[in-house]
Structure formats: structure tokens, C-alpha cells
Amino acid sequence: MSKEKKLLYRVYGQSNNTTAKVSVDKEMTLEECKSAAANEVFKTTYHQLDKLVALPIGTKDDYDRGIILFCPRCGEPVEDMGASEANFDCYQCDASIYVDISVSQEEEYE
């Protein structure tokens, strides 16, 4: 996955006592995501965090359509496996994945 590709991310900040999770709602590069997390989201606690992890979710369009881009078990990119969007065997963790994501009409129009 290219660092320059703009995606949605889920960011986790972790210390010995706390884990904080933030979902990014606009597409950005990995570097933009790291900067936003450090300077905006976790600004007051950033120096106290032991780990900051940004997990790519996918493009906004793919997310809205319910398409997964990564193995939900190990995080390996699905496109690297030549897999279909809904059913595939992950070569990294040997899991058989069957995905059915339904988007409700309420969610769709928000």
C-alpha cells in the first residue's frame, strides 16, 4: 500500500493503562494521518502514549459500499491475494474469509 494513497484510517493510541481509538472520517495519506493524530486528536496525551498505530481501512467510496480491502484477521491487503471482495482465503494467516456487509438506509443517508 502506497504511503501517498489517500485512505480512511482507524488510529489507536496506547499507554500502559489506556487504549484510545479514533476513526478518521476523511481520506488522507498515512503521513497526514500520523500528523493529525499527534497534533490534533491525541495532542494533550501524545507524550504519554507508548504506541500510536494507524490502520488503513480503505477509500471512502469502498467503505460506503461495504467493500473490505484487508483481511480482518491479520490485516493483509486483499488486492495482493487476487481475491474477490466478499470471499477469499488469506495466504498470510490461512483463514477462509466470507464477508457480507449490509449498509442500512439510515446509515446510507447520514
PDB file of N, CA and C in Angstrom:
ATOM      1  N   MET A   1       0.843  -1.168   0.000  1.00  0.00           N
ATOM      2  CA  MET A   1       0.000   0.000   0.000  1.00  0.00           C
ATOM      3  C   MET A   1       0.892   1.236   0.000  1.00  0.00           C
ATOM      4  N   SER A   2       0.686   2.094  -0.928  1.00  0.00           N
ATOM      5  CA  SER A   2       1.491   3.299  -1.073  1.00  0.00           C
ATOM      6  C   SER A   2       1.217   4.278   0.067  1.00  0.00           C
ATOM      7  N   LYS A   3       2.266   4.918   0.560  1.00  0.00           N
ATOM      8  CA  LYS A   3       2.101   5.919   1.609  1.00  0.00           C
ATOM      9  C   LYS A   3       1.351   7.139   1.087  1.00  0.00           C
ATOM     10  N   GLU A   4       1.372   7.362  -0.222  1.00  0.00           N
ATOM     11  CA  GLU A   4       0.742   8.541  -0.793  1.00  0.00           C
ATOM     12  C   GLU A   4      -0.738   8.343  -1.105  1.00  0.00           C
ATOM     13  N   LYS A   5      -1.228   7.121  -1.053  1.00  0.00           N
ATOM     14  CA  LYS A   5      -2.630   6.860  -1.350  1.00  0.00           C
ATOM     15  C   LYS A   5      -3.497   7.405  -0.219  1.00  0.00           C
ATOM     16  N   LYS A   6      -4.579   8.101  -0.577  1.00  0.00           N
ATOM     17  CA  LYS A   6      -5.466   8.674   0.429  1.00  0.00           C
ATOM     18  C   LYS A   6      -6.529   7.658   0.812  1.00  0.00           C
ATOM     19  N   LEU A   7      -6.582   7.342   2.107  1.00  0.00           N
ATOM     20  CA  LEU A   7      -7.497   6.340   2.642  1.00  0.00           C
ATOM     21  C   LEU A   7      -8.119   6.837   3.941  1.00  0.00           C
ATOM     22  N   LEU A   8      -9.135   6.123   4.399  1.00  0.00           N
ATOM     23  CA  LEU A   8      -9.655   6.306   5.749  1.00  0.00           C
ATOM     24  C   LEU A   8      -8.784   5.470   6.681  1.00  0.00           C
ATOM     25  N   TYR A   9      -8.615   5.917   7.912  1.00  0.00           N
ATOM     26  CA  TYR A   9      -7.786   5.194   8.878  1.00  0.00           C
ATOM     27  C   TYR A   9      -8.518   5.050  10.206  1.00  0.00           C
ATOM     28  N   ARG A  10      -8.133   4.055  10.947  1.00  0.00           N
ATOM     29  CA  ARG A  10      -8.514   3.908  12.346  1.00  0.00           C
ATOM     30  C   ARG A  10      -7.204   4.012  13.119  1.00  0.00           C
ATOM     31  N   VAL A  11      -7.170   4.918  14.098  1.00  0.00           N
ATOM     32  CA  VAL A  11      -5.938   5.200  14.823  1.00  0.00           C
ATOM     33  C   VAL A  11      -6.101   4.776  16.287  1.00  0.00           C
ATOM     34  N   TYR A  12      -5.110   4.051  16.783  1.00  0.00           N
ATOM     35  CA  TYR A  12      -5.092   3.621  18.175  1.00  0.00           C
ATOM     36  C   TYR A  12      -3.898   4.258  18.867  1.00  0.00           C
ATOM     37  N   GLY A  13      -4.153   4.845  20.025  1.00  0.00           N
ATOM     38  CA  GLY A  13      -3.090   5.345  20.880  1.00  0.00           C
ATOM     39  C   GLY A  13      -3.109   4.517  22.149  1.00  0.00           C
ATOM     40  N   GLN A  14      -1.942   4.085  22.626  1.00  0.00           N
ATOM     41  CA  GLN A  14      -1.922   3.174  23.767  1.00  0.00           C
ATOM     42  C   GLN A  14      -0.834   3.543  24.764  1.00  0.00           C
ATOM     43  N   SER A  15      -1.199   3.489  26.031  1.00  0.00           N
ATOM     44  CA  SER A  15      -0.238   3.598  27.126  1.00  0.00           C
ATOM     45  C   SER A  15      -0.410   2.355  27.987  1.00  0.00           C
ATOM     46  N   ASN A  16       0.278   2.294  29.117  1.00  0.00           N
ATOM     47  CA  ASN A  16       0.143   1.125  29.992  1.00  0.00           C
ATOM     48  C   ASN A  16      -1.277   0.942  30.506  1.00  0.00           C
ATOM     49  N   ASN A  17      -1.994   2.039  30.713  1.00  0.00           N
ATOM     50  CA  ASN A  17      -3.316   1.979  31.334  1.00  0.00           C
ATOM     51  C   ASN A  17      -4.477   2.236  30.388  1.00  0.00           C
ATOM     52  N   THR A  18      -4.219   2.766  29.212  1.00  0.00           N
ATOM     53  CA  THR A  18      -5.298   3.243  28.360  1.00  0.00           C
ATOM     54  C   THR A  18      -5.078   2.878  26.900  1.00  0.00           C
ATOM     55  N   THR A  19      -6.182   2.576  26.219  1.00  0.00           N
ATOM     56  CA  THR A  19      -6.170   2.453  24.768  1.00  0.00           C
ATOM     57  C   THR A  19      -7.275   3.355  24.232  1.00  0.00           C
ATOM     58  N   ALA A  20      -6.922   4.261  23.338  1.00  0.00           N
ATOM     59  CA  ALA A  20      -7.892   5.167  22.728  1.00  0.00           C
ATOM     60  C   ALA A  20      -7.982   4.854  21.245  1.00  0.00           C
ATOM     61  N   LYS A  21      -9.216   4.832  20.714  1.00  0.00           N
ATOM     62  CA  LYS A  21      -9.430   4.539  19.298  1.00  0.00           C
ATOM     63  C   LYS A  21     -10.146   5.717  18.655  1.00  0.00           C
ATOM     64  N   VAL A  22      -9.651   6.120  17.492  1.00  0.00           N
ATOM     65  CA  VAL A  22     -10.256   7.211  16.738  1.00  0.00           C
ATOM     66  C   VAL A  22     -10.407   6.765  15.297  1.00  0.00           C
ATOM     67  N   SER A  23     -11.572   7.023  14.714  1.00  0.00           N
ATOM     68  CA  SER A  23     -11.778   6.750  13.292  1.00  0.00           C
ATOM     69  C   SER A  23     -11.696   8.061  12.536  1.00  0.00           C
ATOM     70  N   VAL A  24     -10.929   8.076  11.479  1.00  0.00           N
ATOM     71  CA  VAL A  24     -10.762   9.266  10.650  1.00  0.00           C
ATOM     72  C   VAL A  24     -11.868   9.262   9.601  1.00  0.00           C
ATOM     73  N   ASP A  25     -12.587  10.384   9.463  1.00  0.00           N
ATOM     74  CA  ASP A  25     -13.734  10.398   8.558  1.00  0.00           C
ATOM     75  C   ASP A  25     -13.472  11.076   7.216  1.00  0.00           C
ATOM     76  N   LYS A  26     -12.234  11.450   6.952  1.00  0.00           N
ATOM     77  CA  LYS A  26     -11.899  11.963   5.620  1.00  0.00           C
ATOM     78  C   LYS A  26     -10.641  11.258   5.133  1.00  0.00           C
ATOM     79  N   GLU A  27     -10.536  11.102   3.839  1.00  0.00           N
ATOM     80  CA  GLU A  27      -9.381  10.412   3.264  1.00  0.00           C
ATOM     81  C   GLU A  27      -8.129  11.274   3.415  1.00  0.00           C
ATOM     82  N   MET A  28      -7.033  10.625   3.788  1.00  0.00           N
ATOM     83  CA  MET A  28      -5.752  11.314   3.907  1.00  0.00           C
ATOM     84  C   MET A  28      -4.629  10.310   3.719  1.00  0.00           C
ATOM     85  N   THR A  29      -3.431  10.826   3.497  1.00  0.00           N
ATOM     86  CA  THR A  29      -2.272   9.940   3.371  1.00  0.00           C
ATOM     87  C   THR A  29      -1.871   9.451   4.763  1.00  0.00           C
ATOM     88  N   LEU A  30      -1.019   8.446   4.810  1.00  0.00           N
ATOM     89  CA  LEU A  30      -0.543   7.924   6.090  1.00  0.00           C
ATOM     90  C   LEU A  30       0.180   9.009   6.880  1.00  0.00           C
ATOM     91  N   GLU A  31       1.010   9.791   6.210  1.00  0.00           N
ATOM     92  CA  GLU A  31       1.743  10.860   6.897  1.00  0.00           C
ATOM     93  C   GLU A  31       0.791  11.915   7.447  1.00  0.00           C
ATOM     94  N   GLU A  32      -0.243  12.283   6.670  1.00  0.00           N
ATOM     95  CA  GLU A  32      -1.238  13.245   7.149  1.00  0.00           C
ATOM     96  C   GLU A  32      -1.976  12.687   8.363  1.00  0.00           C
ATOM     97  N   CYS A  33      -2.280  11.401   8.325  1.00  0.00           N
ATOM     98  CA  CYS A  33      -2.977  10.748   9.430  1.00  0.00           C
ATOM     99  C   CYS A  33      -2.128  10.765  10.701  1.00  0.00           C
ATOM    100  N   LYS A  34      -0.854  10.413  10.576  1.00  0.00           N
ATOM    101  CA  LYS A  34       0.048  10.426  11.740  1.00  0.00           C
ATOM    102  C   LYS A  34       0.150  11.828  12.333  1.00  0.00           C
ATOM    103  N   SER A  35       0.282  12.818  11.461  1.00  0.00           N
ATOM    104  CA  SER A  35       0.402  14.199  11.911  1.00  0.00           C
ATOM    105  C   SER A  35      -0.876  14.658  12.611  1.00  0.00           C
ATOM    106  N   ALA A  36      -2.030  14.357  12.022  1.00  0.00           N
ATOM    107  CA  ALA A  36      -3.308  14.743  12.627  1.00  0.00           C
ATOM    108  C   ALA A  36      -3.492  14.067  13.979  1.00  0.00           C
ATOM    109  N   ALA A  37      -3.131  12.803  14.069  1.00  0.00           N
ATOM    110  CA  ALA A  37      -3.275  12.075  15.336  1.00  0.00           C
ATOM    111  C   ALA A  37      -2.397  12.695  16.421  1.00  0.00           C
ATOM    112  N   ALA A  38      -1.157  12.991  16.089  1.00  0.00           N
ATOM    113  CA  ALA A  38      -0.215  13.533  17.072  1.00  0.00           C
ATOM    114  C   ALA A  38      -0.528  14.979  17.443  1.00  0.00           C
ATOM    115  N   ASN A  39      -0.956  15.779  16.464  1.00  0.00           N
ATOM    116  CA  ASN A  39      -1.113  17.214  16.694  1.00  0.00           C
ATOM    117  C   ASN A  39      -2.531  17.662  16.995  1.00  0.00           C
ATOM    118  N   GLU A  40      -3.524  16.837  16.678  1.00  0.00           N
ATOM    119  CA  GLU A  40      -4.910  17.242  16.894  1.00  0.00           C
ATOM    120  C   GLU A  40      -5.643  16.308  17.851  1.00  0.00           C
ATOM    121  N   VAL A  41      -5.695  15.043  17.512  1.00  0.00           N
ATOM    122  CA  VAL A  41      -6.517  14.102  18.264  1.00  0.00           C
ATOM    123  C   VAL A  41      -5.926  13.786  19.629  1.00  0.00           C
ATOM    124  N   PHE A  42      -4.676  13.365  19.657  1.00  0.00           N
ATOM    125  CA  PHE A  42      -4.032  12.970  20.907  1.00  0.00           C
ATOM    126  C   PHE A  42      -3.086  14.058  21.422  1.00  0.00           C
ATOM    127  N   LYS A  43      -3.351  15.299  21.086  1.00  0.00           N
ATOM    128  CA  LYS A  43      -2.438  16.403  21.389  1.00  0.00           C
ATOM    129  C   LYS A  43      -2.083  16.488  22.878  1.00  0.00           C
ATOM    130  N   THR A  44      -3.067  16.372  23.747  1.00  0.00           N
ATOM    131  CA  THR A  44      -2.793  16.538  25.177  1.00  0.00           C
ATOM    132  C   THR A  44      -2.145  15.313  25.805  1.00  0.00           C
ATOM    133  N   THR A  45      -2.305  14.151  25.178  1.00  0.00           N
ATOM    134  CA  THR A  45      -1.768  12.924  25.778  1.00  0.00           C
ATOM    135  C   THR A  45      -0.681  12.269  24.939  1.00  0.00           C
ATOM    136  N   TYR A  46      -0.318  12.869  23.802  1.00  0.00           N
ATOM    137  CA  TYR A  46       0.613  12.228  22.870  1.00  0.00           C
ATOM    138  C   TYR A  46       1.923  11.836  23.545  1.00  0.00           C
ATOM    139  N   HIS A  47       2.477  12.721  24.374  1.00  0.00           N
ATOM    140  CA  HIS A  47       3.757  12.423  25.036  1.00  0.00           C
ATOM    141  C   HIS A  47       3.632  11.293  26.053  1.00  0.00           C
ATOM    142  N   GLN A  48       2.402  10.966  26.472  1.00  0.00           N
ATOM    143  CA  GLN A  48       2.186   9.891  27.444  1.00  0.00           C
ATOM    144  C   GLN A  48       1.927   8.542  26.776  1.00  0.00           C
ATOM    145  N   LEU A  49       1.729   8.543  25.469  1.00  0.00           N
ATOM    146  CA  LEU A  49       1.410   7.305  24.764  1.00  0.00           C
ATOM    147  C   LEU A  49       2.670   6.522  24.429  1.00  0.00           C
ATOM    148  N   ASP A  50       2.607   5.225  24.627  1.00  0.00           N
ATOM    149  CA  ASP A  50       3.724   4.357  24.270  1.00  0.00           C
ATOM    150  C   ASP A  50       3.686   3.988  22.793  1.00  0.00           C
ATOM    151  N   LYS A  51       2.477   3.841  22.273  1.00  0.00           N
ATOM    152  CA  LYS A  51       2.314   3.398  20.887  1.00  0.00           C
ATOM    153  C   LYS A  51       1.220   4.207  20.208  1.00  0.00           C
ATOM    154  N   LEU A  52       1.422   4.468  18.931  1.00  0.00           N
ATOM    155  CA  LEU A  52       0.415   5.095  18.089  1.00  0.00           C
ATOM    156  C   LEU A  52       0.377   4.295  16.800  1.00  0.00           C
ATOM    157  N   VAL A  53      -0.769   3.679  16.503  1.00  0.00           N
ATOM    158  CA  VAL A  53      -0.895   2.798  15.348  1.00  0.00           C
ATOM    159  C   VAL A  53      -2.008   3.318  14.449  1.00  0.00           C
ATOM    160  N   ALA A  54      -1.723   3.445  13.151  1.00  0.00           N
ATOM    161  CA  ALA A  54      -2.721   3.855  12.165  1.00  0.00           C
ATOM    162  C   ALA A  54      -3.008   2.671  11.250  1.00  0.00           C
ATOM    163  N   LEU A  55      -4.239   2.171  11.292  1.00  0.00           N
ATOM    164  CA  LEU A  55      -4.636   1.043  10.450  1.00  0.00           C
ATOM    165  C   LEU A  55      -5.442   1.550   9.265  1.00  0.00           C
ATOM    166  N   PRO A  56      -5.013   1.273   8.048  1.00  0.00           N
ATOM    167  CA  PRO A  56      -5.776   1.712   6.877  1.00  0.00           C
ATOM    168  C   PRO A  56      -7.072   0.913   6.755  1.00  0.00           C
ATOM    169  N   ILE A  57      -8.165   1.606   6.482  1.00  0.00           N
ATOM    170  CA  ILE A  57      -9.473   0.967   6.331  1.00  0.00           C
ATOM    171  C   ILE A  57      -9.816   0.803   4.857  1.00  0.00           C
ATOM    172  N   GLY A  58      -9.574   1.812   4.057  1.00  0.00           N
ATOM    173  CA  GLY A  58      -9.878   1.785   2.629  1.00  0.00           C
ATOM    174  C   GLY A  58     -10.298   3.164   2.172  1.00  0.00           C
ATOM    175  N   THR A  59     -10.707   3.261   0.934  1.00  0.00           N
ATOM    176  CA  THR A  59     -11.185   4.547   0.426  1.00  0.00           C
ATOM    177  C   THR A  59     -12.579   4.805   0.975  1.00  0.00           C
ATOM    178  N   LYS A  60     -12.994   6.054   0.992  1.00  0.00           N
ATOM    179  CA  LYS A  60     -14.336   6.414   1.468  1.00  0.00           C
ATOM    180  C   LYS A  60     -15.393   5.733   0.616  1.00  0.00           C
ATOM    181  N   ASP A  61     -15.189   5.716  -0.688  1.00  0.00           N
ATOM    182  CA  ASP A  61     -16.150   5.085  -1.596  1.00  0.00           C
ATOM    183  C   ASP A  61     -16.288   3.590  -1.307  1.00  0.00           C
ATOM    184  N   ASP A  62     -15.163   2.893  -1.167  1.00  0.00           N
ATOM    185  CA  ASP A  62     -15.212   1.458  -0.851  1.00  0.00           C
ATOM    186  C   ASP A  62     -15.855   1.217   0.508  1.00  0.00           C
ATOM    187  N   TYR A  63     -15.540   2.058   1.485  1.00  0.00           N
ATOM    188  CA  TYR A  63     -16.114   1.919   2.822  1.00  0.00           C
ATOM    189  C   TYR A  63     -17.632   2.095   2.769  1.00  0.00           C
ATOM    190  N   ASP A  64     -18.089   3.121   2.043  1.00  0.00           N
ATOM    191  CA  ASP A  64     -19.528   3.376   1.924  1.00  0.00           C
ATOM    192  C   ASP A  64     -20.256   2.237   1.222  1.00  0.00           C
ATOM    193  N   ARG A  65     -19.575   1.561   0.298  1.00  0.00           N
ATOM    194  CA  ARG A  65     -20.190   0.440  -0.426  1.00  0.00           C
ATOM    195  C   ARG A  65     -20.024  -0.896   0.304  1.00  0.00           C
ATOM    196  N   GLY A  66     -19.323  -0.910   1.439  1.00  0.00           N
ATOM    197  CA  GLY A  66     -19.169  -2.129   2.221  1.00  0.00           C
ATOM    198  C   GLY A  66     -18.117  -3.081   1.700  1.00  0.00           C
ATOM    199  N   ILE A  67     -17.137  -2.571   0.974  1.00  0.00           N
ATOM    200  CA  ILE A  67     -16.073  -3.406   0.409  1.00  0.00           C
ATOM    201  C   ILE A  67     -14.883  -3.412   1.365  1.00  0.00           C
ATOM    202  N   ILE A  68     -14.364  -4.597   1.669  1.00  0.00           N
ATOM    203  CA  ILE A  68     -13.179  -4.665   2.522  1.00  0.00           C
ATOM    204  C   ILE A  68     -11.933  -4.737   1.648  1.00  0.00           C
ATOM    205  N   LEU A  69     -10.866  -4.157   2.132  1.00  0.00           N
ATOM    206  CA  LEU A  69      -9.610  -4.150   1.391  1.00  0.00           C
ATOM    207  C   LEU A  69      -8.514  -4.929   2.101  1.00  0.00           C
ATOM    208  N   PHE A  70      -8.776  -5.346   3.345  1.00  0.00           N
ATOM    209  CA  PHE A  70      -7.770  -6.024   4.151  1.00  0.00           C
ATOM    210  C   PHE A  70      -8.390  -7.224   4.843  1.00  0.00           C
ATOM    211  N   CYS A  71      -7.593  -8.237   5.062  1.00  0.00           N
ATOM    212  CA  CYS A  71      -8.045  -9.401   5.823  1.00  0.00           C
ATOM    213  C   CYS A  71      -8.403  -8.930   7.234  1.00  0.00           C
ATOM    214  N   PRO A  72      -9.619  -9.212   7.703  1.00  0.00           N
ATOM    215  CA  PRO A  72      -9.995  -8.754   9.040  1.00  0.00           C
ATOM    216  C   PRO A  72      -9.242  -9.469  10.164  1.00  0.00           C
ATOM    217  N   ARG A  73      -8.604 -10.573   9.847  1.00  0.00           N
ATOM    218  CA  ARG A  73      -7.872 -11.321  10.876  1.00  0.00           C
ATOM    219  C   ARG A  73      -6.435 -10.829  11.038  1.00  0.00           C
ATOM    220  N   CYS A  74      -5.715 -10.641   9.916  1.00  0.00           N
ATOM    221  CA  CYS A  74      -4.289 -10.290  10.030  1.00  0.00           C
ATOM    222  C   CYS A  74      -3.937  -8.941   9.400  1.00  0.00           C
ATOM    223  N   GLY A  75      -4.843  -8.352   8.620  1.00  0.00           N
ATOM    224  CA  GLY A  75      -4.585  -7.049   8.028  1.00  0.00           C
ATOM    225  C   GLY A  75      -3.904  -7.067   6.674  1.00  0.00           C
ATOM    226  N   GLU A  76      -3.654  -8.250   6.118  1.00  0.00           N
ATOM    227  CA  GLU A  76      -3.005  -8.358   4.804  1.00  0.00           C
ATOM    228  C   GLU A  76      -3.924  -7.761   3.733  1.00  0.00           C
ATOM    229  N   PRO A  77      -3.394  -6.944   2.808  1.00  0.00           N
ATOM    230  CA  PRO A  77      -4.228  -6.381   1.742  1.00  0.00           C
ATOM    231  C   PRO A  77      -4.850  -7.472   0.870  1.00  0.00           C
ATOM    232  N   VAL A  78      -6.159  -7.378   0.656  1.00  0.00           N
ATOM    233  CA  VAL A  78      -6.893  -8.359  -0.145  1.00  0.00           C
ATOM    234  C   VAL A  78      -6.445  -8.304  -1.598  1.00  0.00           C
ATOM    235  N   GLU A  79      -6.160  -7.105  -2.103  1.00  0.00           N
ATOM    236  CA  GLU A  79      -5.783  -6.972  -3.509  1.00  0.00           C
ATOM    237  C   GLU A  79      -4.501  -7.729  -3.829  1.00  0.00           C
ATOM    238  N   ASP A  80      -3.630  -7.916  -2.841  1.00  0.00           N
ATOM    239  CA  ASP A  80      -2.399  -8.669  -3.051  1.00  0.00           C
ATOM    240  C   ASP A  80      -2.651 -10.156  -3.248  1.00  0.00           C
ATOM    241  N   MET A  81      -3.849 -10.614  -2.886  1.00  0.00           N
ATOM    242  CA  MET A  81      -4.184 -12.031  -2.995  1.00  0.00           C
ATOM    243  C   MET A  81      -4.979 -12.339  -4.252  1.00  0.00           C
ATOM    244  N   GLY A  82      -5.344 -11.302  -5.003  1.00  0.00           N
ATOM    245  CA  GLY A  82      -6.174 -11.511  -6.182  1.00  0.00           C
ATOM    246  C   GLY A  82      -7.537 -12.045  -5.802  1.00  0.00           C
ATOM    247  N   ALA A  83      -8.009 -11.659  -4.628  1.00  0.00           N
ATOM    248  CA  ALA A  83      -9.257 -12.201  -4.095  1.00  0.00           C
ATOM    249  C   ALA A  83     -10.451 -11.363  -4.524  1.00  0.00           C
ATOM    250  N   SER A  84     -11.618 -11.989  -4.453  1.00  0.00           N
ATOM    251  CA  SER A  84     -12.852 -11.244  -4.687  1.00  0.00           C
ATOM    252  C   SER A  84     -13.107 -10.373  -3.464  1.00  0.00           C
ATOM    253  N   GLU A  85     -14.075  -9.486  -3.561  1.00  0.00           N
ATOM    254  CA  GLU A  85     -14.342  -8.571  -2.467  1.00  0.00           C
ATOM    255  C   GLU A  85     -15.001  -9.261  -1.276  1.00  0.00           C
ATOM    256  N   ALA A  86     -15.720 -10.359  -1.495  1.00  0.00           N
ATOM    257  CA  ALA A  86     -16.518 -10.940  -0.424  1.00  0.00           C
ATOM    258  C   ALA A  86     -15.966 -12.245   0.145  1.00  0.00           C
ATOM    259  N   ASN A  87     -15.369 -13.086  -0.668  1.00  0.00           N
ATOM    260  CA  ASN A  87     -14.918 -14.391  -0.200  1.00  0.00           C
ATOM    261  C   ASN A  87     -13.493 -14.648  -0.667  1.00  0.00           C
ATOM    262  N   PHE A  88     -12.634 -15.018   0.276  1.00  0.00           N
ATOM    263  CA  PHE A  88     -11.259 -15.303  -0.115  1.00  0.00           C
ATOM    264  C   PHE A  88     -10.555 -16.092   0.976  1.00  0.00           C
ATOM    265  N   ASP A  89      -9.466 -16.721   0.606  1.00  0.00           N
ATOM    266  CA  ASP A  89      -8.578 -17.386   1.555  1.00  0.00           C
ATOM    267  C   ASP A  89      -7.353 -16.508   1.710  1.00  0.00           C
ATOM    268  N   CYS A  90      -7.048 -16.146   2.931  1.00  0.00           N
ATOM    269  CA  CYS A  90      -5.891 -15.300   3.198  1.00  0.00           C
ATOM    270  C   CYS A  90      -4.635 -16.162   3.198  1.00  0.00           C
ATOM    271  N   TYR A  91      -3.689 -15.811   2.348  1.00  0.00           N
ATOM    272  CA  TYR A  91      -2.440 -16.563   2.255  1.00  0.00           C
ATOM    273  C   TYR A  91      -1.525 -16.291   3.442  1.00  0.00           C
ATOM    274  N   GLN A  92      -1.731 -15.161   4.100  1.00  0.00           N
ATOM    275  CA  GLN A  92      -0.872 -14.788   5.223  1.00  0.00           C
ATOM    276  C   GLN A  92      -1.217 -15.571   6.496  1.00  0.00           C
ATOM    277  N   CYS A  93      -2.524 -15.664   6.817  1.00  0.00           N
ATOM    278  CA  CYS A  93      -2.912 -16.297   8.084  1.00  0.00           C
ATOM    279  C   CYS A  93      -3.728 -17.577   7.889  1.00  0.00           C
ATOM    280  N   ASP A  94      -3.896 -18.023   6.629  1.00  0.00           N
ATOM    281  CA  ASP A  94      -4.613 -19.259   6.297  1.00  0.00           C
ATOM    282  C   ASP A  94      -6.079 -19.258   6.721  1.00  0.00           C
ATOM    283  N   ALA A  95      -6.683 -18.095   6.862  1.00  0.00           N
ATOM    284  CA  ALA A  95      -8.103 -18.016   7.210  1.00  0.00           C
ATOM    285  C   ALA A  95      -8.942 -17.996   5.938  1.00  0.00           C
ATOM    286  N   SER A  96     -10.112 -18.627   5.992  1.00  0.00           N
ATOM    287  CA  SER A  96     -11.098 -18.518   4.917  1.00  0.00           C
ATOM    288  C   SER A  96     -12.075 -17.429   5.329  1.00  0.00           C
ATOM    289  N   ILE A  97     -12.183 -16.402   4.518  1.00  0.00           N
ATOM    290  CA  ILE A  97     -12.979 -15.233   4.867  1.00  0.00           C
ATOM    291  C   ILE A  97     -14.232 -15.184   4.002  1.00  0.00           C
ATOM    292  N   TYR A  98     -15.380 -15.014   4.654  1.00  0.00           N
ATOM    293  CA  TYR A  98     -16.664 -14.830   3.982  1.00  0.00           C
ATOM    294  C   TYR A  98     -17.257 -13.548   4.542  1.00  0.00           C
ATOM    295  N   VAL A  99     -17.437 -12.551   3.697  1.00  0.00           N
ATOM    296  CA  VAL A  99     -17.848 -11.234   4.159  1.00  0.00           C
ATOM    297  C   VAL A  99     -19.191 -10.854   3.562  1.00  0.00           C
ATOM    298  N   ASP A 100     -20.083 -10.343   4.418  1.00  0.00           N
ATOM    299  CA  ASP A 100     -21.361  -9.800   3.976  1.00  0.00           C
ATOM    300  C   ASP A 100     -21.616  -8.541   4.796  1.00  0.00           C
ATOM    301  N   ILE A 101     -21.354  -7.392   4.218  1.00  0.00           N
ATOM    302  CA  ILE A 101     -21.547  -6.127   4.916  1.00  0.00           C
ATOM    303  C   ILE A 101     -22.797  -5.474   4.357  1.00  0.00           C
ATOM    304  N   SER A 102     -23.764  -5.228   5.230  1.00  0.00           N
ATOM    305  CA  SER A 102     -25.004  -4.577   4.825  1.00  0.00           C
ATOM    306  C   SER A 102     -25.013  -3.168   5.385  1.00  0.00           C
ATOM    307  N   VAL A 103     -25.335  -2.206   4.542  1.00  0.00           N
ATOM    308  CA  VAL A 103     -25.427  -0.822   4.968  1.00  0.00           C
ATOM    309  C   VAL A 103     -26.900  -0.481   5.056  1.00  0.00           C
ATOM    310  N   SER A 104     -27.346  -0.050   6.245  1.00  0.00           N
ATOM    311  CA  SER A 104     -28.756   0.294   6.412  1.00  0.00           C
ATOM    312  C   SER A 104     -29.053   1.598   5.692  1.00  0.00           C
ATOM    313  N   GLN A 105     -30.332   1.810   5.375  1.00  0.00           N
ATOM    314  CA  GLN A 105     -30.703   3.044   4.686  1.00  0.00           C
ATOM    315  C   GLN A 105     -30.424   4.255   5.558  1.00  0.00           C
ATOM    316  N   GLU A 106     -30.631   4.144   6.870  1.00  0.00           N
ATOM    317  CA  GLU A 106     -30.339   5.258   7.771  1.00  0.00           C
ATOM    318  C   GLU A 106     -28.873   5.639   7.695  1.00  0.00           C
ATOM    319  N   GLU A 107     -28.001   4.649   7.736  1.00  0.00           N
ATOM    320  CA  GLU A 107     -26.561   4.874   7.644  1.00  0.00           C
ATOM    321  C   GLU A 107     -26.197   5.505   6.309  1.00  0.00           C
ATOM    322  N   GLU A 108     -26.842   5.026   5.266  1.00  0.00           N
ATOM    323  CA  GLU A 108     -26.538   5.460   3.913  1.00  0.00           C
ATOM    324  C   GLU A 108     -26.823   6.942   3.709  1.00  0.00           C
ATOM    325  N   TYR A 109     -27.856   7.463   4.369  1.00  0.00           N
ATOM    326  CA  TYR A 109     -28.274   8.841   4.131  1.00  0.00           C
ATOM    327  C   TYR A 109     -27.747   9.831   5.156  1.00  0.00           C
ATOM    328  N   GLU A 110     -26.961   9.393   6.108  1.00  0.00           N
ATOM    329  CA  GLU A 110     -26.412  10.314   7.113  1.00  0.00           C
ATOM    330  C   GLU A 110     -25.336  11.180   6.537  1.00  0.00           C
TER     331      GLU A 110
END
